[in-house]
Amino acid sequence: MTCALAESADDRDQVFRLRYACYRRKLAIDPLPSESFSDSYDALPNHFSFLGRDNSGAPLATLRVSVVRPDLGWTAAPCQKVFGDHPAFQTIAQGSFVEASRLCFGEQARRDTLMQVVAYLAALAVFYDVDWMVACPREEHSPIYERLFGFVQLAEPRQYFGVKFRTPLLGVSCEQLLNYTRGTKSMDTARANALARLLDTAAPEKRCGRGAGPLPVTSG
């Protein structure tokens, strides 16, 4: 499987169609004539969707990562709609963070696909030099985040934005995640590969850290 930023309009169309197929399979959204599922956050410059494909180019998995960096004017993320009044989230929101959302898989996806896709959450956290990583997975998926990445539950489950299931608020500081995964070869490799792809995608003048700007994404 290969995974990369969904840059073109066609890439993003595949992302939205894969989301729709995944959520409809689990009855998490109502039927839509377009058979495509997106929301207002997808059009914002601080939201990046990634698409994993098999060797034939068929879509396997997708993940959206929101980057909140007030110094860049990036302040919107779906978790704010759900947990904005919670003290744990308010503490995180005082700094910078990335949020994983819209993690979806095709029926033919393998279990190791999760690691390769979610590695982009950690890679974007490094690329944009944020303080925290946040995730709002389905309740039954929370143990995976906790086991693989060291996330801890910060808030009890609530109805998540745009779907018919509840999600807890999970979080881990970037420093804690690096300490938790240090020496875990599979995670280190996946994160390094994801970061290398982001650096290849960024314009030559872009750099990691506080000076980094938007990655080139075609909105639609």
N, C-alpha and C. Protein backbone atom coordinates (compact mmCIF):
# COMPACT_ATOMS: atom_id res chain seq x y z
N MET A 1 0.82 -1.19 0.00
CA MET A 1 0.00 0.00 0.00
C MET A 1 0.86 1.24 0.00
N THR A 2 0.44 2.26 -0.72
CA THR A 2 1.07 3.58 -0.67
C THR A 2 0.06 4.58 -0.12
N CYS A 3 0.55 5.54 0.63
CA CYS A 3 -0.33 6.55 1.22
C CYS A 3 0.30 7.91 1.01
N ALA A 4 -0.52 8.87 0.60
CA ALA A 4 0.00 10.20 0.33
C ALA A 4 -1.11 11.23 0.50
N LEU A 5 -0.71 12.50 0.53
CA LEU A 5 -1.64 13.60 0.61
C LEU A 5 -2.56 13.59 -0.61
N ALA A 6 -3.85 13.75 -0.37
CA ALA A 6 -4.83 13.84 -1.46
C ALA A 6 -4.78 15.25 -2.02
N GLU A 7 -4.00 15.45 -3.07
CA GLU A 7 -3.74 16.79 -3.59
C GLU A 7 -4.73 17.22 -4.67
N SER A 8 -5.05 16.33 -5.58
CA SER A 8 -5.87 16.71 -6.73
C SER A 8 -7.36 16.58 -6.42
N ALA A 9 -8.17 17.18 -7.28
CA ALA A 9 -9.62 17.07 -7.14
C ALA A 9 -10.05 15.61 -7.25
N ASP A 10 -9.39 14.84 -8.12
CA ASP A 10 -9.73 13.42 -8.26
C ASP A 10 -9.38 12.65 -6.99
N ASP A 11 -8.21 12.94 -6.41
CA ASP A 11 -7.82 12.29 -5.15
C ASP A 11 -8.88 12.54 -4.07
N ARG A 12 -9.29 13.79 -3.96
CA ARG A 12 -10.24 14.14 -2.91
C ARG A 12 -11.61 13.53 -3.17
N ASP A 13 -11.99 13.41 -4.43
CA ASP A 13 -13.23 12.73 -4.75
C ASP A 13 -13.18 11.27 -4.29
N GLN A 14 -12.03 10.62 -4.47
CA GLN A 14 -11.87 9.25 -4.00
C GLN A 14 -11.95 9.18 -2.47
N VAL A 15 -11.36 10.17 -1.80
CA VAL A 15 -11.44 10.24 -0.34
C VAL A 15 -12.90 10.30 0.11
N PHE A 16 -13.66 11.19 -0.48
CA PHE A 16 -15.04 11.41 -0.05
C PHE A 16 -15.92 10.19 -0.37
N ARG A 17 -15.63 9.52 -1.49
CA ARG A 17 -16.41 8.33 -1.83
C ARG A 17 -16.06 7.15 -0.92
N LEU A 18 -14.79 7.05 -0.56
CA LEU A 18 -14.40 5.99 0.37
C LEU A 18 -15.01 6.23 1.75
N ARG A 19 -15.02 7.46 2.20
CA ARG A 19 -15.67 7.80 3.46
C ARG A 19 -17.14 7.36 3.43
N TYR A 20 -17.81 7.74 2.35
CA TYR A 20 -19.23 7.43 2.25
C TYR A 20 -19.46 5.92 2.31
N ALA A 21 -18.69 5.16 1.54
CA ALA A 21 -18.86 3.71 1.52
C ALA A 21 -18.62 3.11 2.90
N CYS A 22 -17.59 3.60 3.59
CA CYS A 22 -17.25 3.09 4.92
C CYS A 22 -18.35 3.41 5.93
N TYR A 23 -18.80 4.65 5.97
CA TYR A 23 -19.81 5.05 6.94
C TYR A 23 -21.17 4.44 6.65
N ARG A 24 -21.50 4.29 5.37
CA ARG A 24 -22.78 3.65 5.05
C ARG A 24 -22.75 2.16 5.42
N ARG A 25 -21.61 1.52 5.25
CA ARG A 25 -21.47 0.11 5.61
C ARG A 25 -21.74 -0.10 7.09
N LYS A 26 -21.41 0.92 7.90
CA LYS A 26 -21.61 0.84 9.34
C LYS A 26 -22.85 1.61 9.79
N LEU A 27 -23.65 2.09 8.82
CA LEU A 27 -24.89 2.83 9.09
C LEU A 27 -24.63 4.07 9.95
N ALA A 28 -23.49 4.69 9.74
CA ALA A 28 -23.10 5.85 10.54
C ALA A 28 -23.58 7.16 9.94
N ILE A 29 -24.03 7.14 8.70
CA ILE A 29 -24.60 8.32 8.05
C ILE A 29 -25.82 7.89 7.25
N ASP A 30 -26.66 8.86 6.90
CA ASP A 30 -27.82 8.58 6.05
C ASP A 30 -27.38 8.48 4.59
N PRO A 31 -28.19 7.81 3.75
CA PRO A 31 -27.86 7.73 2.32
C PRO A 31 -27.80 9.11 1.68
N LEU A 32 -26.88 9.27 0.73
CA LEU A 32 -26.75 10.51 -0.02
C LEU A 32 -26.75 10.18 -1.52
N PRO A 33 -27.49 10.90 -2.32
CA PRO A 33 -27.54 10.60 -3.76
C PRO A 33 -26.16 10.65 -4.42
N SER A 34 -25.29 11.51 -3.92
CA SER A 34 -23.95 11.67 -4.51
C SER A 34 -23.02 10.52 -4.18
N GLU A 35 -23.37 9.73 -3.14
CA GLU A 35 -22.49 8.66 -2.64
C GLU A 35 -21.10 9.20 -2.33
N SER A 36 -21.07 10.42 -1.80
CA SER A 36 -19.83 11.10 -1.45
C SER A 36 -20.08 11.84 -0.14
N PHE A 37 -19.12 11.78 0.79
CA PHE A 37 -19.33 12.38 2.12
C PHE A 37 -18.17 13.31 2.46
N SER A 38 -18.50 14.60 2.59
CA SER A 38 -17.52 15.60 3.01
C SER A 38 -18.24 16.61 3.91
N ASP A 39 -17.49 17.55 4.47
CA ASP A 39 -18.09 18.57 5.31
C ASP A 39 -17.32 19.88 5.15
N SER A 40 -17.75 20.89 5.86
CA SER A 40 -17.17 22.23 5.68
C SER A 40 -15.68 22.28 6.03
N TYR A 41 -15.23 21.41 6.91
CA TYR A 41 -13.82 21.44 7.30
C TYR A 41 -12.90 21.05 6.14
N ASP A 42 -13.40 20.24 5.22
CA ASP A 42 -12.56 19.78 4.11
C ASP A 42 -12.09 20.93 3.22
N ALA A 43 -12.79 22.05 3.25
CA ALA A 43 -12.42 23.19 2.41
C ALA A 43 -11.44 24.15 3.10
N LEU A 44 -11.12 23.91 4.36
CA LEU A 44 -10.25 24.81 5.10
C LEU A 44 -8.77 24.49 4.84
N PRO A 45 -7.90 25.49 4.85
CA PRO A 45 -6.49 25.26 4.51
C PRO A 45 -5.70 24.48 5.55
N ASN A 46 -6.25 24.33 6.76
CA ASN A 46 -5.53 23.61 7.80
C ASN A 46 -6.03 22.17 7.98
N HIS A 47 -6.76 21.67 6.99
CA HIS A 47 -7.26 20.30 7.03
C HIS A 47 -6.71 19.53 5.83
N PHE A 48 -6.04 18.42 6.14
CA PHE A 48 -5.32 17.65 5.12
C PHE A 48 -5.85 16.21 5.11
N SER A 49 -6.29 15.76 3.96
CA SER A 49 -6.77 14.38 3.82
C SER A 49 -5.71 13.54 3.13
N PHE A 50 -5.56 12.32 3.63
CA PHE A 50 -4.59 11.38 3.08
C PHE A 50 -5.33 10.16 2.55
N LEU A 51 -4.77 9.59 1.48
CA LEU A 51 -5.41 8.47 0.81
C LEU A 51 -4.42 7.34 0.62
N GLY A 52 -4.78 6.15 1.12
CA GLY A 52 -3.97 4.96 0.91
C GLY A 52 -4.55 4.14 -0.22
N ARG A 53 -3.67 3.65 -1.10
CA ARG A 53 -4.10 2.86 -2.25
C ARG A 53 -3.32 1.56 -2.31
N ASP A 54 -3.95 0.54 -2.93
CA ASP A 54 -3.23 -0.70 -3.16
C ASP A 54 -2.39 -0.57 -4.42
N ASN A 55 -1.72 -1.66 -4.82
CA ASN A 55 -0.80 -1.60 -5.95
C ASN A 55 -1.48 -1.29 -7.27
N SER A 56 -2.77 -1.53 -7.34
CA SER A 56 -3.52 -1.24 -8.56
C SER A 56 -4.09 0.18 -8.57
N GLY A 57 -3.92 0.90 -7.47
CA GLY A 57 -4.44 2.26 -7.37
C GLY A 57 -5.80 2.36 -6.73
N ALA A 58 -6.38 1.24 -6.33
CA ALA A 58 -7.70 1.27 -5.69
C ALA A 58 -7.59 1.83 -4.27
N PRO A 59 -8.51 2.69 -3.86
CA PRO A 59 -8.44 3.28 -2.52
C PRO A 59 -8.68 2.25 -1.42
N LEU A 60 -7.84 2.31 -0.39
CA LEU A 60 -7.93 1.37 0.73
C LEU A 60 -8.31 2.05 2.04
N ALA A 61 -7.79 3.25 2.27
CA ALA A 61 -7.98 3.91 3.57
C ALA A 61 -7.79 5.40 3.41
N THR A 62 -8.40 6.14 4.32
CA THR A 62 -8.23 7.59 4.30
C THR A 62 -8.27 8.13 5.73
N LEU A 63 -7.61 9.25 5.92
CA LEU A 63 -7.56 9.93 7.22
C LEU A 63 -7.49 11.43 6.96
N ARG A 64 -8.21 12.20 7.77
CA ARG A 64 -8.09 13.65 7.72
C ARG A 64 -7.37 14.12 8.98
N VAL A 65 -6.44 15.04 8.80
CA VAL A 65 -5.72 15.62 9.93
C VAL A 65 -5.94 17.13 9.94
N SER A 66 -6.43 17.62 11.06
CA SER A 66 -6.60 19.07 11.26
C SER A 66 -5.38 19.59 12.02
N VAL A 67 -4.83 20.69 11.56
CA VAL A 67 -3.69 21.32 12.22
C VAL A 67 -4.15 22.63 12.84
N VAL A 68 -4.06 22.76 14.14
CA VAL A 68 -4.42 23.98 14.84
C VAL A 68 -3.15 24.69 15.29
N ARG A 69 -2.88 25.81 14.64
CA ARG A 69 -1.72 26.65 14.94
C ARG A 69 -2.20 28.09 14.92
N PRO A 70 -2.58 28.66 16.07
CA PRO A 70 -3.10 30.04 16.09
C PRO A 70 -2.17 31.06 15.46
N ASP A 71 -0.86 30.84 15.52
CA ASP A 71 0.07 31.80 14.93
C ASP A 71 -0.02 31.83 13.42
N LEU A 72 -0.58 30.78 12.81
CA LEU A 72 -0.81 30.76 11.37
C LEU A 72 -2.23 31.14 11.01
N GLY A 73 -3.03 31.45 12.03
CA GLY A 73 -4.43 31.72 11.79
C GLY A 73 -5.27 30.47 11.64
N TRP A 74 -4.73 29.33 12.03
CA TRP A 74 -5.42 28.04 11.92
C TRP A 74 -6.00 27.68 13.29
N THR A 75 -7.30 27.85 13.46
CA THR A 75 -7.91 27.67 14.77
C THR A 75 -9.08 26.70 14.77
N ALA A 76 -9.51 26.21 13.61
CA ALA A 76 -10.71 25.37 13.51
C ALA A 76 -10.37 23.89 13.47
N ALA A 77 -11.14 23.10 14.22
CA ALA A 77 -11.01 21.64 14.19
C ALA A 77 -12.34 21.04 14.65
N PRO A 78 -12.73 19.89 14.11
CA PRO A 78 -14.02 19.30 14.47
C PRO A 78 -14.18 19.03 15.96
N CYS A 79 -13.10 18.66 16.65
CA CYS A 79 -13.22 18.32 18.07
C CYS A 79 -13.69 19.51 18.90
N GLN A 80 -13.49 20.73 18.39
CA GLN A 80 -13.96 21.91 19.11
C GLN A 80 -15.49 21.93 19.20
N LYS A 81 -16.16 21.47 18.13
CA LYS A 81 -17.63 21.43 18.14
C LYS A 81 -18.15 20.45 19.19
N VAL A 82 -17.37 19.40 19.43
CA VAL A 82 -17.83 18.32 20.29
C VAL A 82 -17.37 18.50 21.74
N PHE A 83 -16.12 18.88 21.92
CA PHE A 83 -15.52 18.93 23.26
C PHE A 83 -15.05 20.34 23.66
N GLY A 84 -15.51 21.35 22.94
CA GLY A 84 -15.01 22.70 23.18
C GLY A 84 -15.21 23.21 24.59
N ASP A 85 -16.24 22.70 25.29
CA ASP A 85 -16.51 23.16 26.66
C ASP A 85 -15.82 22.31 27.72
N HIS A 86 -15.06 21.29 27.29
CA HIS A 86 -14.45 20.38 28.27
C HIS A 86 -13.10 20.94 28.74
N PRO A 87 -12.83 20.92 30.04
CA PRO A 87 -11.57 21.48 30.55
C PRO A 87 -10.32 20.85 29.92
N ALA A 88 -10.35 19.55 29.65
CA ALA A 88 -9.17 18.89 29.07
C ALA A 88 -8.88 19.44 27.69
N PHE A 89 -9.94 19.62 26.89
CA PHE A 89 -9.72 20.19 25.56
C PHE A 89 -9.27 21.63 25.66
N GLN A 90 -9.85 22.39 26.56
CA GLN A 90 -9.49 23.79 26.69
C GLN A 90 -8.02 23.96 27.06
N THR A 91 -7.50 23.02 27.85
CA THR A 91 -6.07 23.06 28.18
C THR A 91 -5.22 22.85 26.94
N ILE A 92 -5.58 21.86 26.12
CA ILE A 92 -4.85 21.58 24.88
C ILE A 92 -4.94 22.75 23.92
N ALA A 93 -6.14 23.36 23.82
CA ALA A 93 -6.37 24.44 22.87
C ALA A 93 -5.60 25.70 23.21
N GLN A 94 -5.02 25.78 24.37
CA GLN A 94 -4.20 26.94 24.72
C GLN A 94 -2.89 26.95 23.91
N GLY A 95 -2.53 25.78 23.37
CA GLY A 95 -1.34 25.68 22.56
C GLY A 95 -1.68 25.30 21.13
N SER A 96 -0.96 24.33 20.59
CA SER A 96 -1.17 23.87 19.22
C SER A 96 -1.37 22.36 19.24
N PHE A 97 -2.10 21.86 18.22
CA PHE A 97 -2.34 20.42 18.18
C PHE A 97 -2.75 19.98 16.77
N VAL A 98 -2.71 18.68 16.55
CA VAL A 98 -3.29 18.07 15.36
C VAL A 98 -4.38 17.11 15.81
N GLU A 99 -5.44 17.02 15.01
CA GLU A 99 -6.54 16.10 15.31
C GLU A 99 -6.73 15.13 14.15
N ALA A 100 -6.86 13.85 14.47
CA ALA A 100 -7.20 12.83 13.48
C ALA A 100 -8.71 12.66 13.44
N SER A 101 -9.27 12.66 12.23
CA SER A 101 -10.69 12.41 12.08
C SER A 101 -10.93 11.73 10.73
N ARG A 102 -12.16 11.27 10.54
CA ARG A 102 -12.58 10.64 9.28
C ARG A 102 -11.63 9.51 8.86
N LEU A 103 -11.22 8.71 9.83
CA LEU A 103 -10.42 7.51 9.53
C LEU A 103 -11.36 6.43 9.00
N CYS A 104 -11.18 6.05 7.74
CA CYS A 104 -12.08 5.09 7.10
C CYS A 104 -11.28 4.09 6.29
N PHE A 105 -11.82 2.87 6.20
CA PHE A 105 -11.15 1.80 5.49
C PHE A 105 -12.09 1.15 4.48
N GLY A 106 -11.50 0.69 3.38
CA GLY A 106 -12.24 -0.12 2.45
C GLY A 106 -12.38 -1.54 2.99
N GLU A 107 -13.29 -2.28 2.42
CA GLU A 107 -13.54 -3.65 2.91
C GLU A 107 -12.32 -4.54 2.73
N GLN A 108 -11.47 -4.22 1.74
CA GLN A 108 -10.32 -5.07 1.45
C GLN A 108 -9.06 -4.64 2.18
N ALA A 109 -9.15 -3.64 3.05
CA ALA A 109 -7.96 -3.12 3.75
C ALA A 109 -7.42 -4.16 4.73
N ARG A 110 -6.10 -4.21 4.85
CA ARG A 110 -5.44 -5.11 5.79
C ARG A 110 -5.22 -4.40 7.11
N ARG A 111 -4.96 -5.18 8.16
CA ARG A 111 -4.82 -4.60 9.50
C ARG A 111 -3.62 -3.66 9.59
N ASP A 112 -2.53 -3.95 8.84
CA ASP A 112 -1.35 -3.10 8.94
C ASP A 112 -1.54 -1.75 8.25
N THR A 113 -2.66 -1.60 7.54
CA THR A 113 -2.96 -0.33 6.89
C THR A 113 -3.10 0.79 7.92
N LEU A 114 -3.64 0.49 9.08
CA LEU A 114 -3.86 1.50 10.11
C LEU A 114 -2.56 2.22 10.47
N MET A 115 -1.50 1.47 10.69
CA MET A 115 -0.23 2.07 11.08
C MET A 115 0.28 3.04 10.03
N GLN A 116 0.21 2.64 8.77
CA GLN A 116 0.73 3.48 7.70
C GLN A 116 -0.07 4.77 7.54
N VAL A 117 -1.38 4.68 7.74
CA VAL A 117 -2.23 5.85 7.57
C VAL A 117 -2.11 6.79 8.76
N VAL A 118 -2.24 6.26 9.97
CA VAL A 118 -2.22 7.10 11.16
C VAL A 118 -0.83 7.69 11.40
N ALA A 119 0.21 7.11 10.79
CA ALA A 119 1.54 7.69 10.91
C ALA A 119 1.58 9.12 10.41
N TYR A 120 0.65 9.49 9.51
CA TYR A 120 0.62 10.86 9.02
C TYR A 120 0.17 11.84 10.10
N LEU A 121 -0.56 11.38 11.09
CA LEU A 121 -0.89 12.26 12.21
C LEU A 121 0.38 12.67 12.93
N ALA A 122 1.24 11.70 13.23
CA ALA A 122 2.50 11.99 13.90
C ALA A 122 3.43 12.80 13.00
N ALA A 123 3.42 12.49 11.70
CA ALA A 123 4.30 13.22 10.78
C ALA A 123 3.91 14.68 10.67
N LEU A 124 2.61 14.96 10.59
CA LEU A 124 2.17 16.35 10.53
C LEU A 124 2.44 17.08 11.84
N ALA A 125 2.36 16.36 12.95
CA ALA A 125 2.69 16.97 14.24
C ALA A 125 4.14 17.44 14.25
N VAL A 126 5.04 16.64 13.66
CA VAL A 126 6.45 17.02 13.56
C VAL A 126 6.61 18.15 12.54
N PHE A 127 5.97 18.01 11.38
CA PHE A 127 6.11 18.99 10.31
C PHE A 127 5.70 20.38 10.77
N TYR A 128 4.61 20.45 11.55
CA TYR A 128 4.11 21.74 12.01
C TYR A 128 4.48 22.05 13.46
N ASP A 129 5.29 21.20 14.07
CA ASP A 129 5.85 21.49 15.39
C ASP A 129 4.77 21.85 16.41
N VAL A 130 3.78 20.96 16.55
CA VAL A 130 2.69 21.22 17.49
C VAL A 130 2.98 20.56 18.84
N ASP A 131 2.14 20.88 19.82
CA ASP A 131 2.35 20.40 21.18
C ASP A 131 1.64 19.07 21.47
N TRP A 132 0.45 18.90 20.85
CA TRP A 132 -0.40 17.77 21.19
C TRP A 132 -0.93 17.07 19.96
N MET A 133 -1.32 15.82 20.14
CA MET A 133 -2.08 15.08 19.14
C MET A 133 -3.39 14.65 19.79
N VAL A 134 -4.47 14.82 19.05
CA VAL A 134 -5.81 14.52 19.54
C VAL A 134 -6.49 13.57 18.56
N ALA A 135 -7.30 12.67 19.07
CA ALA A 135 -8.07 11.77 18.22
C ALA A 135 -9.43 11.53 18.87
N CYS A 136 -10.43 11.37 18.02
CA CYS A 136 -11.79 11.08 18.48
C CYS A 136 -12.30 9.85 17.74
N PRO A 137 -11.76 8.67 18.04
CA PRO A 137 -12.16 7.47 17.32
C PRO A 137 -13.45 6.87 17.88
N ARG A 138 -14.02 5.94 17.15
CA ARG A 138 -15.12 5.16 17.70
C ARG A 138 -14.69 4.56 19.03
N GLU A 139 -15.64 4.36 19.92
CA GLU A 139 -15.31 3.83 21.24
C GLU A 139 -14.56 2.50 21.15
N GLU A 140 -14.97 1.64 20.22
CA GLU A 140 -14.32 0.33 20.12
C GLU A 140 -12.92 0.40 19.52
N HIS A 141 -12.57 1.53 18.89
CA HIS A 141 -11.24 1.69 18.31
C HIS A 141 -10.26 2.36 19.26
N SER A 142 -10.74 2.90 20.36
CA SER A 142 -9.87 3.62 21.29
C SER A 142 -8.69 2.79 21.79
N PRO A 143 -8.89 1.50 22.14
CA PRO A 143 -7.74 0.71 22.62
C PRO A 143 -6.60 0.61 21.62
N ILE A 144 -6.90 0.70 20.31
CA ILE A 144 -5.85 0.64 19.30
C ILE A 144 -4.95 1.87 19.42
N TYR A 145 -5.56 3.05 19.53
CA TYR A 145 -4.78 4.28 19.67
C TYR A 145 -3.98 4.26 20.97
N GLU A 146 -4.59 3.76 22.02
CA GLU A 146 -3.92 3.73 23.31
C GLU A 146 -2.73 2.77 23.30
N ARG A 147 -2.93 1.62 22.66
CA ARG A 147 -1.86 0.62 22.64
C ARG A 147 -0.72 1.00 21.70
N LEU A 148 -1.05 1.47 20.50
CA LEU A 148 -0.02 1.74 19.51
C LEU A 148 0.70 3.06 19.73
N PHE A 149 -0.03 4.08 20.21
CA PHE A 149 0.54 5.43 20.22
C PHE A 149 0.60 6.08 21.59
N GLY A 150 0.05 5.41 22.62
CA GLY A 150 0.12 5.97 23.96
C GLY A 150 -0.92 7.03 24.26
N PHE A 151 -1.98 7.12 23.44
CA PHE A 151 -3.06 8.05 23.74
C PHE A 151 -3.73 7.67 25.06
N VAL A 152 -4.26 8.67 25.75
CA VAL A 152 -5.06 8.44 26.95
C VAL A 152 -6.41 9.14 26.77
N GLN A 153 -7.44 8.60 27.42
CA GLN A 153 -8.76 9.21 27.32
C GLN A 153 -8.84 10.44 28.20
N LEU A 154 -9.26 11.56 27.61
CA LEU A 154 -9.35 12.82 28.32
C LEU A 154 -10.78 13.23 28.61
N ALA A 155 -11.74 12.66 27.86
CA ALA A 155 -13.15 13.02 28.06
C ALA A 155 -14.02 11.83 27.67
N GLU A 156 -15.14 11.69 28.35
CA GLU A 156 -16.08 10.62 28.06
C GLU A 156 -16.70 10.79 26.66
N PRO A 157 -17.17 9.70 26.06
CA PRO A 157 -17.70 9.78 24.69
C PRO A 157 -18.89 10.73 24.56
N ARG A 158 -18.90 11.42 23.42
CA ARG A 158 -20.00 12.28 23.03
C ARG A 158 -20.31 12.01 21.55
N GLN A 159 -21.48 12.47 21.10
CA GLN A 159 -21.83 12.35 19.69
C GLN A 159 -20.85 13.17 18.86
N TYR A 160 -20.21 12.52 17.88
CA TYR A 160 -19.20 13.23 17.10
C TYR A 160 -19.84 13.99 15.94
N PHE A 161 -19.08 14.91 15.38
CA PHE A 161 -19.56 15.81 14.35
C PHE A 161 -19.89 15.07 13.05
N GLY A 162 -21.14 15.12 12.62
CA GLY A 162 -21.53 14.65 11.30
C GLY A 162 -21.78 13.17 11.15
N VAL A 163 -21.65 12.38 12.23
CA VAL A 163 -21.85 10.93 12.14
C VAL A 163 -22.72 10.46 13.30
N LYS A 164 -23.19 9.22 13.18
CA LYS A 164 -24.13 8.68 14.16
C LYS A 164 -23.46 7.77 15.17
N PHE A 165 -22.29 8.13 15.62
CA PHE A 165 -21.67 7.35 16.68
C PHE A 165 -20.97 8.28 17.65
N ARG A 166 -20.69 7.75 18.83
CA ARG A 166 -20.06 8.50 19.90
C ARG A 166 -18.56 8.25 19.90
N THR A 167 -17.82 9.26 20.29
CA THR A 167 -16.37 9.14 20.36
C THR A 167 -15.86 9.77 21.65
N PRO A 168 -14.86 9.16 22.27
CA PRO A 168 -14.19 9.83 23.38
C PRO A 168 -13.18 10.84 22.84
N LEU A 169 -12.68 11.68 23.70
CA LEU A 169 -11.57 12.55 23.36
C LEU A 169 -10.29 11.90 23.88
N LEU A 170 -9.40 11.55 22.96
CA LEU A 170 -8.10 10.99 23.32
C LEU A 170 -7.02 12.02 23.04
N GLY A 171 -5.96 11.98 23.81
CA GLY A 171 -4.87 12.92 23.58
C GLY A 171 -3.54 12.38 24.07
N VAL A 172 -2.49 12.89 23.49
CA VAL A 172 -1.13 12.58 23.94
C VAL A 172 -0.25 13.73 23.49
N SER A 173 0.64 14.17 24.36
CA SER A 173 1.57 15.22 23.94
C SER A 173 2.58 14.61 22.97
N CYS A 174 3.11 15.44 22.10
CA CYS A 174 4.07 14.93 21.12
C CYS A 174 5.30 14.35 21.80
N GLU A 175 5.71 14.98 22.88
CA GLU A 175 6.87 14.46 23.62
C GLU A 175 6.56 13.07 24.19
N GLN A 176 5.35 12.91 24.75
CA GLN A 176 4.98 11.61 25.30
C GLN A 176 4.89 10.55 24.22
N LEU A 177 4.36 10.91 23.04
CA LEU A 177 4.26 9.93 21.98
C LEU A 177 5.64 9.47 21.51
N LEU A 178 6.56 10.40 21.34
CA LEU A 178 7.90 10.03 20.90
C LEU A 178 8.56 9.11 21.92
N ASN A 179 8.37 9.39 23.20
CA ASN A 179 8.92 8.53 24.24
C ASN A 179 8.25 7.16 24.23
N TYR A 180 6.93 7.15 24.01
CA TYR A 180 6.16 5.90 24.04
C TYR A 180 6.55 4.99 22.89
N THR A 181 6.78 5.57 21.70
CA THR A 181 7.04 4.75 20.51
C THR A 181 8.53 4.56 20.23
N ARG A 182 9.38 5.20 21.01
CA ARG A 182 10.82 5.09 20.75
C ARG A 182 11.25 3.62 20.82
N GLY A 183 11.92 3.17 19.79
CA GLY A 183 12.36 1.78 19.74
C GLY A 183 11.35 0.86 19.10
N THR A 184 10.14 1.37 18.81
CA THR A 184 9.14 0.56 18.11
C THR A 184 9.40 0.74 16.62
N LYS A 185 10.06 -0.20 16.00
CA LYS A 185 10.57 -0.03 14.64
C LYS A 185 9.46 0.25 13.65
N SER A 186 8.34 -0.45 13.76
CA SER A 186 7.27 -0.27 12.78
C SER A 186 6.73 1.15 12.80
N MET A 187 6.54 1.70 14.01
CA MET A 187 6.02 3.06 14.11
C MET A 187 7.06 4.08 13.68
N ASP A 188 8.31 3.89 14.10
CA ASP A 188 9.37 4.81 13.71
C ASP A 188 9.50 4.87 12.19
N THR A 189 9.45 3.70 11.57
CA THR A 189 9.60 3.63 10.11
C THR A 189 8.42 4.28 9.41
N ALA A 190 7.19 3.99 9.88
CA ALA A 190 6.01 4.56 9.26
C ALA A 190 6.00 6.08 9.39
N ARG A 191 6.37 6.59 10.56
CA ARG A 191 6.39 8.04 10.77
C ARG A 191 7.46 8.70 9.91
N ALA A 192 8.64 8.09 9.82
CA ALA A 192 9.73 8.65 9.01
C ALA A 192 9.35 8.67 7.54
N ASN A 193 8.71 7.61 7.06
CA ASN A 193 8.29 7.57 5.66
C ASN A 193 7.23 8.62 5.36
N ALA A 194 6.29 8.77 6.30
CA ALA A 194 5.23 9.78 6.11
C ALA A 194 5.83 11.18 6.09
N LEU A 195 6.75 11.47 7.00
CA LEU A 195 7.36 12.79 7.05
C LEU A 195 8.16 13.06 5.78
N ALA A 196 8.86 12.06 5.27
CA ALA A 196 9.63 12.22 4.03
C ALA A 196 8.70 12.58 2.87
N ARG A 197 7.54 11.94 2.81
CA ARG A 197 6.58 12.26 1.75
C ARG A 197 6.06 13.69 1.88
N LEU A 198 5.81 14.14 3.11
CA LEU A 198 5.35 15.51 3.32
C LEU A 198 6.42 16.51 2.89
N LEU A 199 7.67 16.23 3.20
CA LEU A 199 8.75 17.13 2.82
C LEU A 199 8.91 17.17 1.30
N ASP A 200 8.69 16.04 0.64
CA ASP A 200 8.74 16.01 -0.82
C ASP A 200 7.59 16.81 -1.44
N THR A 201 6.43 16.78 -0.77
CA THR A 201 5.26 17.49 -1.27
C THR A 201 5.38 18.99 -1.11
N ALA A 202 5.99 19.42 0.00
CA ALA A 202 6.09 20.85 0.30
C ALA A 202 7.01 21.54 -0.70
N ALA A 203 6.75 22.80 -0.96
CA ALA A 203 7.60 23.59 -1.83
C ALA A 203 8.99 23.70 -1.20
N PRO A 204 10.04 23.89 -2.02
CA PRO A 204 11.42 23.92 -1.49
C PRO A 204 11.62 24.92 -0.37
N GLU A 205 10.89 26.07 -0.42
CA GLU A 205 11.12 27.08 0.61
C GLU A 205 10.44 26.75 1.94
N LYS A 206 9.54 25.74 1.93
CA LYS A 206 8.88 25.37 3.18
C LYS A 206 9.84 24.56 4.03
N ARG A 207 9.66 24.64 5.32
CA ARG A 207 10.50 23.87 6.22
C ARG A 207 9.67 23.38 7.38
N CYS A 208 10.19 22.43 8.14
CA CYS A 208 9.49 21.97 9.33
C CYS A 208 9.52 23.06 10.39
N GLY A 209 8.56 22.95 11.32
CA GLY A 209 8.60 23.83 12.47
C GLY A 209 7.70 25.04 12.34
N ARG A 210 7.97 26.06 13.13
CA ARG A 210 7.09 27.20 13.25
C ARG A 210 7.01 28.03 11.98
N GLY A 211 7.95 27.85 11.05
CA GLY A 211 7.88 28.61 9.82
C GLY A 211 7.15 27.91 8.70
N ALA A 212 6.70 26.69 8.91
CA ALA A 212 6.07 25.93 7.85
C ALA A 212 4.73 26.54 7.47
N GLY A 213 4.43 26.49 6.19
CA GLY A 213 3.18 27.02 5.69
C GLY A 213 2.31 25.90 5.14
N PRO A 214 1.20 26.26 4.48
CA PRO A 214 0.28 25.25 3.97
C PRO A 214 0.91 24.33 2.96
N LEU A 215 0.54 23.07 3.00
CA LEU A 215 0.91 22.13 1.95
C LEU A 215 0.00 22.39 0.76
N PRO A 216 0.45 22.06 -0.46
CA PRO A 216 -0.35 22.36 -1.65
C PRO A 216 -1.49 21.38 -1.83
N VAL A 217 -2.70 21.83 -1.58
CA VAL A 217 -3.87 20.98 -1.71
C VAL A 217 -4.90 21.69 -2.58
N THR A 218 -5.48 20.97 -3.52
CA THR A 218 -6.54 21.51 -4.35
C THR A 218 -7.85 21.36 -3.62
N SER A 219 -8.51 22.47 -3.29
CA SER A 219 -9.79 22.40 -2.58
C SER A 219 -10.88 21.96 -3.53
N GLY A 220 -11.93 21.39 -2.94
CA GLY A 220 -13.05 20.95 -3.77
C GLY A 220 -13.99 20.08 -3.00
